[in-house]
N, C-alpha and C. Protein backbone atom coordinates (compact mmCIF):
# COMPACT_ATOMS: atom_id res chain seq x y z
N MET A 1 0.66 -1.18 -0.07
CA MET A 1 -0.02 0.19 0.01
C MET A 1 0.68 1.46 -0.11
N TYR A 2 2.14 0.91 0.41
CA TYR A 2 2.84 2.49 0.14
C TYR A 2 3.65 2.48 -0.50
N GLY A 3 4.22 3.62 -0.93
CA GLY A 3 5.03 3.95 -1.87
C GLY A 3 4.00 4.56 -3.16
N TYR A 4 4.60 4.79 -4.36
CA TYR A 4 3.92 5.30 -5.61
C TYR A 4 3.03 4.52 -6.68
N PRO A 5 1.69 4.15 -5.90
CA PRO A 5 0.77 3.38 -6.71
C PRO A 5 0.77 3.43 -8.15
N LEU A 6 0.91 2.50 -8.80
CA LEU A 6 0.14 2.42 -10.35
C LEU A 6 -0.82 3.44 -10.62
N THR A 7 -1.90 3.19 -9.69
CA THR A 7 -3.15 4.18 -10.28
C THR A 7 -2.56 5.30 -10.37
N ILE A 8 -1.94 5.78 -9.31
CA ILE A 8 -1.62 7.51 -9.44
C ILE A 8 -0.73 7.61 -10.16
N TYR A 9 0.24 6.72 -10.71
CA TYR A 9 1.06 7.23 -11.86
C TYR A 9 0.27 7.10 -13.15
N LEU A 10 -0.53 6.25 -13.09
CA LEU A 10 -1.30 6.14 -14.44
C LEU A 10 -2.40 7.46 -14.60
N LEU A 11 -2.98 8.07 -13.38
CA LEU A 11 -3.95 9.12 -13.32
C LEU A 11 -2.91 10.50 -13.38
N SER A 12 -1.62 10.21 -13.37
CA SER A 12 -0.77 11.61 -12.80
C SER A 12 -1.21 12.81 -13.45
N GLY A 13 -1.71 12.97 -14.94
CA GLY A 13 -1.77 13.87 -15.69
C GLY A 13 -3.13 14.44 -15.46
N TRP A 14 -4.19 13.79 -15.15
CA TRP A 14 -5.24 14.14 -14.79
C TRP A 14 -5.56 14.58 -13.24
N LEU A 15 -4.80 13.92 -12.29
CA LEU A 15 -4.94 14.25 -11.34
C LEU A 15 -4.53 15.55 -10.76
N THR A 16 -3.29 15.57 -11.54
CA THR A 16 -2.26 17.13 -11.25
C THR A 16 -2.93 18.02 -11.62
N THR A 17 -3.85 18.11 -12.99
CA THR A 17 -4.53 19.09 -13.60
C THR A 17 -5.64 19.41 -12.43
N ARG A 18 -6.36 18.41 -12.09
CA ARG A 18 -7.84 18.64 -11.45
C ARG A 18 -7.64 19.11 -9.91
N PHE A 19 -6.56 18.40 -9.41
CA PHE A 19 -5.91 18.90 -8.10
C PHE A 19 -4.68 19.28 -7.91
N PRO A 20 -4.54 20.48 -8.46
CA PRO A 20 -3.10 21.31 -8.25
C PRO A 20 -2.73 21.38 -6.83
N GLY A 21 -1.66 21.44 -6.51
CA GLY A 21 -0.94 21.75 -5.43
C GLY A 21 -1.08 20.68 -4.53
N VAL A 22 -1.43 19.63 -4.79
CA VAL A 22 -1.70 17.73 -3.87
C VAL A 22 -0.33 17.32 -4.04
N ASP A 23 0.55 16.94 -3.27
CA ASP A 23 1.74 16.22 -3.47
C ASP A 23 1.39 14.69 -3.99
N PHE A 24 1.40 14.16 -5.23
CA PHE A 24 0.99 12.86 -5.38
C PHE A 24 2.02 12.09 -5.12
N LEU A 25 3.38 12.40 -4.42
CA LEU A 25 4.34 11.56 -3.91
C LEU A 25 4.15 11.24 -2.56
N SER A 26 3.33 12.00 -1.96
CA SER A 26 2.85 11.86 -0.53
C SER A 26 2.31 10.27 -0.09
N HIS A 27 2.34 10.16 1.08
CA HIS A 27 1.66 9.10 1.44
C HIS A 27 0.27 9.31 1.38
N ASP A 28 -0.17 10.70 2.35
CA ASP A 28 -1.47 10.75 2.42
C ASP A 28 -2.42 10.93 0.94
N ALA A 29 -1.81 11.58 -0.04
CA ALA A 29 -2.13 11.47 -1.29
C ALA A 29 -2.44 10.12 -1.80
N GLY A 30 -1.75 9.27 -1.29
CA GLY A 30 -2.44 7.97 -2.01
C GLY A 30 -3.80 7.54 -1.92
N HIS A 31 -4.40 8.38 -0.74
CA HIS A 31 -5.92 7.64 -0.37
C HIS A 31 -6.76 8.85 -1.10
N LEU A 32 -6.86 8.33 -2.60
CA LEU A 32 -7.76 9.15 -3.33
C LEU A 32 -8.78 9.70 -3.06
N LEU A 33 -9.64 8.86 -2.55
CA LEU A 33 -10.87 9.47 -2.07
C LEU A 33 -11.13 10.72 -1.43
N GLU A 34 -10.27 10.44 -0.26
CA GLU A 34 -9.90 11.68 0.66
C GLU A 34 -9.70 12.78 -0.23
N VAL A 35 -8.47 12.60 -1.04
CA VAL A 35 -7.70 13.79 -1.93
C VAL A 35 -9.42 14.46 -2.82
N MET A 36 -9.80 13.61 -3.32
CA MET A 36 -10.94 13.88 -4.22
C MET A 36 -12.22 14.90 -3.75
N ILE A 37 -12.45 14.48 -2.59
CA ILE A 37 -13.40 15.08 -1.80
C ILE A 37 -12.90 16.53 -0.75
N GLY A 38 -11.24 16.41 -0.86
CA GLY A 38 -10.80 17.42 -0.58
C GLY A 38 -10.79 17.89 1.03
N THR A 39 -11.03 16.87 1.85
CA THR A 39 -10.49 16.99 3.21
C THR A 39 -9.22 17.45 3.40
N LYS A 40 -9.02 18.35 4.37
CA LYS A 40 -7.92 18.57 4.70
C LYS A 40 -7.49 18.11 6.02
N ILE A 41 -8.02 17.04 6.48
CA ILE A 41 -7.47 16.26 7.85
C ILE A 41 -7.06 14.82 7.11
N ASP A 42 -6.31 14.35 8.56
CA ASP A 42 -5.69 13.31 8.18
C ASP A 42 -6.29 12.42 7.61
N PRO A 43 -5.98 11.67 6.45
CA PRO A 43 -7.17 10.77 5.75
C PRO A 43 -7.23 9.67 6.17
N HIS A 44 -6.22 8.94 7.49
CA HIS A 44 -6.69 8.12 8.13
C HIS A 44 -7.88 8.35 9.13
N PHE A 45 -8.49 9.03 9.29
CA PHE A 45 -9.28 9.50 10.02
C PHE A 45 -10.41 10.35 9.18
N GLY A 46 -10.60 10.16 8.24
CA GLY A 46 -11.43 10.68 7.05
C GLY A 46 -12.64 10.10 7.00
N PRO A 47 -13.42 10.54 6.15
CA PRO A 47 -15.17 9.71 6.24
C PRO A 47 -14.67 8.26 5.42
N PHE A 48 -14.11 8.12 4.61
CA PHE A 48 -14.00 6.86 3.83
C PHE A 48 -13.14 5.73 4.72
N HIS A 49 -12.21 6.11 5.36
CA HIS A 49 -11.26 5.68 6.13
C HIS A 49 -12.01 5.17 7.41
N LEU A 50 -13.04 5.80 7.85
CA LEU A 50 -14.11 5.55 9.23
C LEU A 50 -14.75 4.32 8.65
N LEU A 51 -15.36 4.99 7.45
CA LEU A 51 -16.48 3.96 6.98
C LEU A 51 -15.80 2.40 6.42
N SER A 52 -14.55 2.70 6.02
CA SER A 52 -14.05 1.72 5.66
C SER A 52 -13.64 0.31 6.92
N TYR A 53 -13.18 1.41 8.33
CA TYR A 53 -13.00 0.44 9.25
C TYR A 53 -14.23 -0.32 9.69
N ALA A 54 -15.57 0.21 9.67
CA ALA A 54 -16.65 -0.32 9.84
C ALA A 54 -17.05 -1.83 8.92
N PHE A 55 -17.06 -1.64 7.53
CA PHE A 55 -16.87 -2.65 6.73
C PHE A 55 -16.31 -3.78 7.22
N ILE A 56 -14.51 -3.39 7.62
CA ILE A 56 -13.64 -4.44 7.43
C ILE A 56 -13.92 -4.96 8.70
N GLY A 57 -14.02 -4.46 9.85
CA GLY A 57 -14.17 -4.82 11.09
C GLY A 57 -15.69 -5.65 11.19
N GLY A 58 -16.68 -5.27 10.62
CA GLY A 58 -17.89 -5.98 10.58
C GLY A 58 -17.61 -7.26 9.64
N GLY A 59 -16.80 -7.52 8.77
CA GLY A 59 -16.65 -8.44 7.57
C GLY A 59 -15.87 -9.55 8.70
N PHE A 60 -14.76 -9.25 9.36
CA PHE A 60 -14.00 -9.91 10.17
C PHE A 60 -14.71 -10.66 11.43
N TRP A 61 -15.51 -9.86 11.64
CA TRP A 61 -16.71 -9.99 13.05
C TRP A 61 -17.36 -11.53 12.40
N LEU A 62 -17.89 -11.13 10.94
CA LEU A 62 -19.17 -11.76 10.73
C LEU A 62 -18.16 -13.52 10.20
N LEU A 63 -17.07 -12.95 9.59
CA LEU A 63 -16.24 -14.16 9.22
C LEU A 63 -15.99 -15.44 10.55
N SER A 64 -15.81 -14.42 11.48
CA SER A 64 -15.14 -15.40 12.55
C SER A 64 -16.81 -15.97 13.20
N ALA A 65 -17.67 -15.34 13.34
CA ALA A 65 -18.81 -16.06 13.77
C ALA A 65 -19.27 -17.00 12.86
N ALA A 66 -19.38 -16.75 11.61
CA ALA A 66 -19.55 -17.97 10.91
C ALA A 66 -18.78 -18.93 10.54
N TRP A 67 -17.49 -18.76 10.84
CA TRP A 67 -16.79 -20.15 10.80
C TRP A 67 -16.49 -20.85 12.10
N THR A 68 -16.96 -20.26 13.02
CA THR A 68 -16.99 -21.01 13.90
C THR A 68 -18.28 -22.13 14.04
N VAL A 69 -19.21 -21.66 13.63
CA VAL A 69 -20.47 -22.46 13.31
C VAL A 69 -20.22 -23.65 12.23
N LEU A 70 -19.76 -22.87 11.39
CA LEU A 70 -19.17 -23.95 10.03
C LEU A 70 -18.27 -24.86 10.57
N TYR A 71 -17.16 -24.69 10.97
CA TYR A 71 -16.07 -25.70 11.88
C TYR A 71 -16.95 -26.51 12.46
N GLN A 72 -17.82 -26.40 13.56
CA GLN A 72 -18.11 -27.47 14.27
C GLN A 72 -19.36 -28.27 13.44
N ASN A 73 -20.09 -27.79 12.63
CA ASN A 73 -21.29 -28.61 11.90
C ASN A 73 -20.14 -29.47 10.53
N GLN A 74 -18.90 -29.10 10.31
CA GLN A 74 -18.43 -29.78 9.55
C GLN A 74 -17.67 -31.08 9.74
N ARG A 75 -17.51 -30.86 11.37
CA ARG A 75 -16.37 -31.89 12.08
C ARG A 75 -17.99 -32.64 12.50
N ASN A 76 -18.95 -32.43 12.72
CA ASN A 76 -20.06 -33.12 13.07
C ASN A 76 -20.97 -33.82 11.97
N GLY A 77 -20.59 -33.38 10.44
CA GLY A 77 -21.12 -33.75 9.61
C GLY A 77 -22.80 -33.46 9.47
N THR A 78 -22.76 -32.17 9.93
CA THR A 78 -24.37 -31.90 9.90
C THR A 78 -24.26 -30.22 9.12
N LEU A 79 -25.39 -29.93 8.64
CA LEU A 79 -25.64 -28.89 8.43
C LEU A 79 -25.70 -27.42 9.06
N ALA A 80 -24.86 -26.52 8.65
CA ALA A 80 -24.81 -25.47 9.25
C ALA A 80 -26.01 -24.67 9.10
N ILE A 81 -27.08 -24.65 10.51
CA ILE A 81 -28.40 -23.73 9.89
C ILE A 81 -28.23 -22.77 11.38
N THR A 82 -27.63 -22.85 11.92
CA THR A 82 -27.33 -22.00 13.09
C THR A 82 -26.34 -20.61 13.21
N GLY A 83 -27.06 -19.51 14.27
CA GLY A 83 -25.81 -18.40 13.93
C GLY A 83 -25.95 -17.75 12.82
N ALA A 84 -25.14 -17.39 12.21
CA ALA A 84 -25.30 -16.60 10.80
C ALA A 84 -25.62 -17.17 9.56
N TYR A 85 -25.58 -18.41 9.71
CA TYR A 85 -26.55 -19.21 9.09
C TYR A 85 -27.81 -19.04 8.93
N ALA A 86 -28.29 -19.07 10.28
CA ALA A 86 -30.00 -18.79 10.25
C ALA A 86 -30.30 -17.84 9.48
N ARG A 87 -29.68 -16.43 9.03
CA ARG A 87 -29.77 -15.45 8.53
C ARG A 87 -29.57 -15.75 7.43
N MET A 88 -28.37 -15.95 6.62
CA MET A 88 -28.08 -16.37 5.30
C MET A 88 -27.23 -17.61 5.06
N ARG A 89 -27.44 -18.18 3.79
CA ARG A 89 -26.61 -19.37 3.39
C ARG A 89 -25.15 -19.07 3.31
N HIS A 90 -24.86 -18.02 3.09
CA HIS A 90 -23.25 -17.82 2.61
C HIS A 90 -22.74 -16.54 3.37
N PRO A 91 -22.75 -16.72 4.62
CA PRO A 91 -22.13 -15.54 5.51
C PRO A 91 -20.71 -15.58 5.47
N GLN A 92 -19.67 -16.26 5.12
CA GLN A 92 -18.45 -16.38 4.62
C GLN A 92 -18.05 -15.30 3.66
N TYR A 93 -18.95 -15.56 2.73
CA TYR A 93 -18.55 -14.84 1.16
C TYR A 93 -18.85 -13.53 1.39
N ILE A 94 -20.42 -13.45 2.25
CA ILE A 94 -20.46 -12.00 2.31
C ILE A 94 -19.43 -11.16 3.39
N ALA A 95 -19.01 -11.74 4.09
CA ALA A 95 -17.93 -11.29 5.36
C ALA A 95 -16.56 -11.03 4.36
N PHE A 96 -16.14 -11.94 3.24
CA PHE A 96 -15.20 -11.88 2.23
C PHE A 96 -15.53 -10.54 1.43
N MET A 97 -16.59 -10.18 1.22
CA MET A 97 -16.81 -9.33 0.28
C MET A 97 -16.91 -7.75 1.30
N LEU A 98 -17.45 -7.65 2.14
CA LEU A 98 -17.69 -6.53 3.15
C LEU A 98 -15.84 -6.22 3.65
N VAL A 99 -14.92 -7.38 4.05
CA VAL A 99 -13.70 -6.78 3.96
C VAL A 99 -13.05 -6.22 2.52
N MET A 100 -13.44 -6.83 1.51
CA MET A 100 -12.65 -6.24 0.67
C MET A 100 -13.20 -5.18 -0.04
N PHE A 101 -14.70 -4.63 0.19
CA PHE A 101 -15.26 -3.33 0.15
C PHE A 101 -14.16 -2.38 0.69
N GLY A 102 -14.37 -2.54 2.04
CA GLY A 102 -13.58 -1.72 3.21
C GLY A 102 -12.47 -1.63 2.42
N PHE A 103 -11.58 -2.15 2.17
CA PHE A 103 -9.96 -1.96 1.48
C PHE A 103 -9.97 -1.24 0.64
N LEU A 104 -11.37 -1.38 -0.30
CA LEU A 104 -11.66 -0.51 -1.43
C LEU A 104 -11.60 1.06 -1.35
N LEU A 105 -12.44 1.03 -0.21
CA LEU A 105 -12.92 2.39 0.11
C LEU A 105 -11.34 3.12 0.94
N GLN A 106 -10.76 2.36 1.47
CA GLN A 106 -9.46 2.87 2.00
C GLN A 106 -8.29 3.20 1.02
N TRP A 107 -8.50 2.19 -0.04
CA TRP A 107 -7.30 2.34 -1.23
C TRP A 107 -7.67 2.10 -2.09
N PRO A 108 -8.74 3.04 -3.13
CA PRO A 108 -8.93 2.87 -4.25
C PRO A 108 -8.18 2.92 -5.69
N THR A 109 -7.91 1.70 -6.07
CA THR A 109 -6.84 1.67 -7.08
C THR A 109 -7.18 1.14 -8.70
N ILE A 110 -6.63 1.19 -9.45
CA ILE A 110 -7.77 0.38 -10.73
C ILE A 110 -7.51 -1.15 -10.56
N LEU A 111 -6.49 -1.38 -10.25
CA LEU A 111 -6.43 -2.69 -9.65
C LEU A 111 -7.78 -3.20 -9.06
N THR A 112 -7.86 -2.94 -7.63
CA THR A 112 -8.83 -3.21 -6.86
C THR A 112 -10.25 -3.10 -7.32
N LEU A 113 -10.28 -1.74 -8.14
CA LEU A 113 -11.69 -1.61 -8.76
C LEU A 113 -11.98 -2.46 -9.81
N ALA A 114 -10.90 -2.88 -10.66
CA ALA A 114 -11.38 -4.12 -11.65
C ALA A 114 -11.47 -5.59 -10.83
N MET A 115 -10.71 -5.54 -10.03
CA MET A 115 -11.03 -7.16 -9.05
C MET A 115 -12.02 -7.31 -8.54
N PHE A 116 -12.53 -6.27 -7.68
CA PHE A 116 -13.79 -6.20 -6.86
C PHE A 116 -14.82 -6.94 -7.30
N PRO A 117 -15.30 -6.59 -8.69
CA PRO A 117 -16.31 -7.24 -9.12
C PRO A 117 -15.97 -9.10 -9.28
N VAL A 118 -14.86 -9.01 -10.34
CA VAL A 118 -14.55 -10.27 -10.58
C VAL A 118 -14.39 -11.18 -9.38
N LEU A 119 -13.68 -10.94 -8.31
CA LEU A 119 -13.69 -11.51 -7.23
C LEU A 119 -15.19 -11.99 -6.31
N CYS A 120 -16.32 -10.84 -6.51
CA CYS A 120 -17.77 -11.16 -6.02
C CYS A 120 -18.12 -11.94 -6.85
N PHE A 121 -17.83 -12.09 -8.15
CA PHE A 121 -18.62 -12.81 -9.28
C PHE A 121 -17.78 -14.59 -8.84
N MET A 122 -16.89 -14.57 -8.63
CA MET A 122 -16.06 -15.78 -8.12
C MET A 122 -16.93 -16.43 -7.03
N TYR A 123 -16.86 -15.48 -5.95
CA TYR A 123 -17.62 -15.93 -4.42
C TYR A 123 -19.04 -16.27 -4.82
N VAL A 124 -19.49 -15.94 -5.79
CA VAL A 124 -21.20 -16.34 -6.24
C VAL A 124 -21.15 -17.59 -7.06
N ARG A 125 -20.12 -17.85 -7.85
CA ARG A 125 -20.07 -19.10 -8.52
C ARG A 125 -19.69 -20.26 -7.57
N LEU A 126 -18.88 -19.70 -6.53
CA LEU A 126 -18.40 -20.80 -5.61
C LEU A 126 -19.55 -21.36 -4.52
N ALA A 127 -20.52 -20.30 -4.20
CA ALA A 127 -21.73 -20.45 -3.43
C ALA A 127 -22.46 -21.58 -4.19
N MET A 128 -22.86 -21.13 -5.44
CA MET A 128 -23.81 -21.90 -6.18
C MET A 128 -22.88 -23.37 -6.09
N SER A 129 -21.77 -23.75 -6.50
CA SER A 129 -21.45 -24.91 -6.25
C SER A 129 -21.28 -25.62 -5.26
N GLU A 130 -21.11 -24.85 -4.14
CA GLU A 130 -21.21 -25.45 -2.30
C GLU A 130 -22.89 -26.06 -2.39
N GLU A 131 -23.60 -25.10 -2.75
CA GLU A 131 -25.13 -25.63 -2.68
C GLU A 131 -25.54 -26.98 -3.44
N ARG A 132 -25.13 -26.76 -4.66
CA ARG A 132 -25.46 -28.13 -5.10
C ARG A 132 -25.14 -29.53 -4.53
N GLU A 133 -23.53 -29.20 -3.89
CA GLU A 133 -23.07 -30.37 -3.32
C GLU A 133 -23.90 -30.61 -1.78
N SER A 134 -24.12 -29.26 -1.15
CA SER A 134 -24.94 -29.61 0.21
C SER A 134 -26.08 -30.03 -0.16
N GLN A 135 -26.64 -29.85 -1.65
CA GLN A 135 -28.17 -30.54 -2.06
C GLN A 135 -27.88 -31.88 -2.01
N ARG A 136 -26.93 -32.39 -2.83
CA ARG A 136 -26.59 -33.51 -2.76
C ARG A 136 -26.00 -34.52 -1.54
N VAL A 137 -25.87 -34.13 -0.71
CA VAL A 137 -25.25 -34.46 0.72
C VAL A 137 -26.45 -34.42 1.68
N PHE A 138 -26.91 -33.35 1.69
CA PHE A 138 -28.17 -33.47 2.75
C PHE A 138 -29.53 -33.54 2.33
N GLY A 139 -29.86 -33.45 0.80
CA GLY A 139 -31.10 -33.66 0.41
C GLY A 139 -32.54 -32.79 1.12
N VAL A 140 -33.14 -33.59 1.33
CA VAL A 140 -34.81 -32.53 1.83
C VAL A 140 -33.87 -31.62 3.11
N GLN A 141 -33.23 -31.99 3.80
CA GLN A 141 -32.87 -31.04 4.98
C GLN A 141 -32.32 -29.85 4.74
N TRP A 142 -31.41 -29.78 3.30
CA TRP A 142 -30.94 -28.99 2.44
C TRP A 142 -31.83 -27.96 1.62
N GLU A 143 -33.05 -28.51 1.45
CA GLU A 143 -33.92 -28.12 0.43
C GLU A 143 -35.01 -27.14 1.54
N SER A 144 -35.14 -27.74 2.61
CA SER A 144 -36.42 -26.92 3.71
C SER A 144 -35.14 -25.89 4.01
N TYR A 145 -33.95 -25.95 4.18
CA TYR A 145 -33.47 -24.91 4.79
C TYR A 145 -32.92 -23.67 3.70
N ALA A 146 -32.82 -24.01 2.50
CA ALA A 146 -32.45 -23.41 1.13
C ALA A 146 -34.09 -22.45 1.25
N ALA A 147 -35.11 -23.15 1.18
CA ALA A 147 -36.48 -22.60 0.89
C ALA A 147 -36.97 -21.26 2.03
N ARG A 148 -36.05 -21.34 3.16
CA ARG A 148 -36.26 -20.58 4.26
C ARG A 148 -35.15 -19.52 4.44
N THR A 149 -34.08 -19.94 4.03
CA THR A 149 -33.00 -18.88 4.28
C THR A 149 -32.28 -18.13 3.06
N PRO A 150 -32.32 -17.11 2.97
CA PRO A 150 -31.82 -16.09 1.98
C PRO A 150 -30.51 -16.58 1.46
N ARG A 151 -30.11 -16.62 0.45
CA ARG A 151 -28.54 -17.15 0.12
C ARG A 151 -27.55 -15.77 0.61
N PHE A 152 -27.90 -14.93 -0.04
CA PHE A 152 -26.84 -13.59 0.51
C PHE A 152 -27.02 -12.30 1.69
N ILE A 153 -28.58 -12.07 1.20
CA ILE A 153 -28.85 -10.81 1.82
C ILE A 153 -30.00 -11.29 3.06
N PRO A 154 -29.14 -10.90 4.24
CA PRO A 154 -29.99 -11.65 5.35
C PRO A 154 -31.54 -11.11 5.81
N ARG A 155 -32.36 -11.96 6.11
CA ARG A 155 -33.51 -11.38 6.58
C ARG A 155 -33.77 -10.95 7.96
N PHE A 156 -33.93 -9.97 8.80
CA PHE A 156 -34.10 -9.86 10.06
C PHE A 156 -35.40 -9.65 10.65
N GLY A 157 -35.39 -10.27 11.81
CA GLY A 157 -36.85 -10.22 12.51
C GLY A 157 -37.19 -11.70 13.24
N SER A 158 -37.73 -12.32 12.45
CA SER A 158 -37.86 -13.82 13.05
C SER A 158 -36.95 -14.59 13.08
N THR A 159 -36.67 -15.27 13.98
CA THR A 159 -35.62 -16.26 13.95
C THR A 159 -36.01 -17.81 13.98
N SER A 160 -37.34 -18.13 13.90
CA SER A 160 -38.03 -18.78 13.85
C SER A 160 -37.64 -19.98 12.53
N ASN A 161 -37.63 -21.43 12.76
CA ASN A 161 -37.22 -22.35 11.77
C ASN A 161 -38.81 -22.61 10.75
N SER A 162 -39.71 -21.93 11.28
CA SER A 162 -40.74 -22.19 10.37
C SER A 162 -40.81 -21.34 8.95
N GLY A 163 -39.53 -20.70 8.36
CA GLY A 163 -39.99 -20.50 7.17
C GLY A 163 -40.77 -19.38 7.22
N VAL A 164 -41.29 -18.80 8.14
CA VAL A 164 -42.05 -17.49 8.13
C VAL A 164 -41.26 -16.34 8.52
N HIS A 165 -41.11 -15.37 7.49
CA HIS A 165 -40.05 -14.03 7.96
C HIS A 165 -40.98 -12.88 7.78
N PRO A 166 -40.77 -11.92 8.75
CA PRO A 166 -41.52 -10.81 8.44
C PRO A 166 -40.94 -9.97 7.29
């Protein structure tokens, strides 16, 4: 993350004309979103960084919570349907996407802007593949779980297993 990022190098002509007086060789100028909105504060405490901390922290929290449940269920050979898995079928992939988005807010580069949608697409494909395998292994139990639990966007409210959500 430190040094002279390729993005700033490639955009240097446009950046220097659009933002005269900014030293793009400085570390702080590498936080392009903060430069572009013109905050005069330390970019590590600017709005994009603070928001990124929330996404990154929330992502790691969700990942930790999900993996604890998944690990126990894999050891027991059972379907993970509690904890974060009671709200969505793939909390681990949502967690990865939250962390990636947080870093994208913190340090946007051409490469991260290009790779973010590619990685999200790959996680969706992986989730679909895992669902086919889970359906094969768990059968009716999986079908019931999948019918009442959204794939990626959690439902909040009722936590009953009746399949009825507000």
